[in-house]
Amino acid sequence: MVEDWLRHAQLRAANLYYLAGDPSPTHRERALAEMSKALREALEEVRVVAEQLRRDADVGKTKTRRDSPSPREQAISPPRHREPE
């Protein structure tokens, strides 16, 4: 899914780059407006993905805490006796 999104973004960027190089001011203005729109969309996509990753990390931390024994439940081992050297 990410590869498809990146491929589409690269194709869109190439088309806009071509349009921006057109001698017509109308085409250049349109290209600039489309580039701004593409940037806003990409930033929103990054924000959504970052938020999802944060939520997933929080769920993972919570699950790890629930699965690991509390300090009271952990077995206490007696100290090892060291042999004199």
Protein backbone atom coordinates (compact mmCIF):
# COMPACT_ATOMS: atom_id res chain seq x y z
CA MET A 1 0.00 0.00 0.00
CA VAL A 2 2.81 2.42 0.85
CA GLU A 3 4.64 1.53 -2.36
CA ASP A 4 1.50 2.30 -4.40
CA TRP A 5 1.10 5.64 -2.62
CA LEU A 6 4.76 6.53 -3.24
CA ARG A 7 4.56 5.48 -6.89
CA HIS A 8 1.46 7.64 -7.38
CA ALA A 9 3.10 10.58 -5.59
CA GLN A 10 6.22 10.30 -7.78
CA LEU A 11 4.14 10.22 -10.95
CA ARG A 12 2.11 13.20 -9.77
CA ALA A 13 5.29 15.11 -8.91
CA ALA A 14 6.79 14.37 -12.33
CA ASN A 15 3.65 15.59 -14.09
CA LEU A 16 3.57 18.76 -12.00
CA TYR A 17 7.27 19.37 -12.63
CA TYR A 18 6.61 19.11 -16.36
CA LEU A 19 3.60 21.45 -16.06
CA ALA A 20 5.62 23.98 -14.01
CA GLY A 21 8.19 24.18 -16.82
CA ASP A 22 5.58 25.25 -19.33
CA PRO A 23 6.09 28.81 -20.63
CA SER A 24 2.44 29.66 -19.98
CA PRO A 25 1.93 31.52 -16.67
CA THR A 26 -1.46 29.85 -16.34
CA HIS A 27 0.13 26.39 -16.41
CA ARG A 28 2.83 27.42 -13.94
CA GLU A 29 0.23 28.84 -11.54
CA ARG A 30 -1.84 25.68 -11.83
CA ALA A 31 1.26 23.56 -11.20
CA LEU A 32 2.12 25.60 -8.10
CA ALA A 33 -1.42 25.28 -6.76
CA GLU A 34 -1.38 21.51 -7.40
CA MET A 35 2.05 21.16 -5.77
CA SER A 36 0.76 22.96 -2.67
CA LYS A 37 -2.27 20.68 -2.58
CA ALA A 38 -0.06 17.59 -3.01
CA LEU A 39 2.18 18.74 -0.15
CA ARG A 40 -0.81 19.28 2.17
CA GLU A 41 -2.15 15.82 1.28
CA ALA A 42 1.24 14.19 1.87
CA LEU A 43 1.64 15.92 5.23
CA GLU A 44 -1.83 14.76 6.27
CA GLU A 45 -1.00 11.21 5.22
CA VAL A 46 2.22 11.30 7.27
CA ARG A 47 0.29 12.68 10.26
CA VAL A 48 -2.29 9.88 10.05
CA VAL A 49 0.38 7.18 9.73
CA ALA A 50 2.41 8.65 12.62
CA GLU A 51 -0.71 8.75 14.80
CA GLN A 52 -1.48 5.12 13.98
CA LEU A 53 2.10 4.06 14.75
CA ARG A 54 1.91 5.91 18.08
CA ARG A 55 -1.35 4.16 18.96
CA ASP A 56 0.10 0.79 17.98
CA ALA A 57 3.18 1.44 20.11
CA ASP A 58 1.01 2.42 23.09
CA VAL A 59 -1.06 -0.76 22.68
CA GLY A 60 2.15 -2.79 22.51
CA LYS A 61 3.49 -1.17 25.68
CA THR A 62 0.21 -1.75 27.50
CA LYS A 63 0.13 -5.40 26.38
CA THR A 64 3.75 -5.90 27.48
CA ARG A 65 2.95 -4.45 30.89
CA ARG A 66 -0.10 -6.70 31.25
CA ASP A 67 1.81 -9.81 30.14
CA SER A 68 4.84 -9.24 32.36
CA PRO A 69 4.51 -10.19 36.01
CA SER A 70 4.19 -7.40 38.53
CA PRO A 71 7.08 -6.98 40.99
CA ARG A 72 5.06 -8.91 43.59
CA GLU A 73 4.57 -11.82 41.20
CA GLN A 74 8.20 -12.09 40.18
CA ALA A 75 10.11 -14.94 41.74
CA ILE A 76 12.85 -13.89 44.10
CA SER A 77 16.02 -15.91 43.79
CA PRO A 78 18.36 -16.25 46.70
CA PRO A 79 21.73 -14.62 46.17
CA ARG A 80 24.38 -16.90 44.72
CA HIS A 81 27.14 -17.94 47.01
CA ARG A 82 30.52 -17.11 45.53
CA GLU A 83 33.36 -19.52 45.96
CA PRO A 84 36.54 -17.99 47.40
CA GLU A 85 39.27 -17.67 44.79
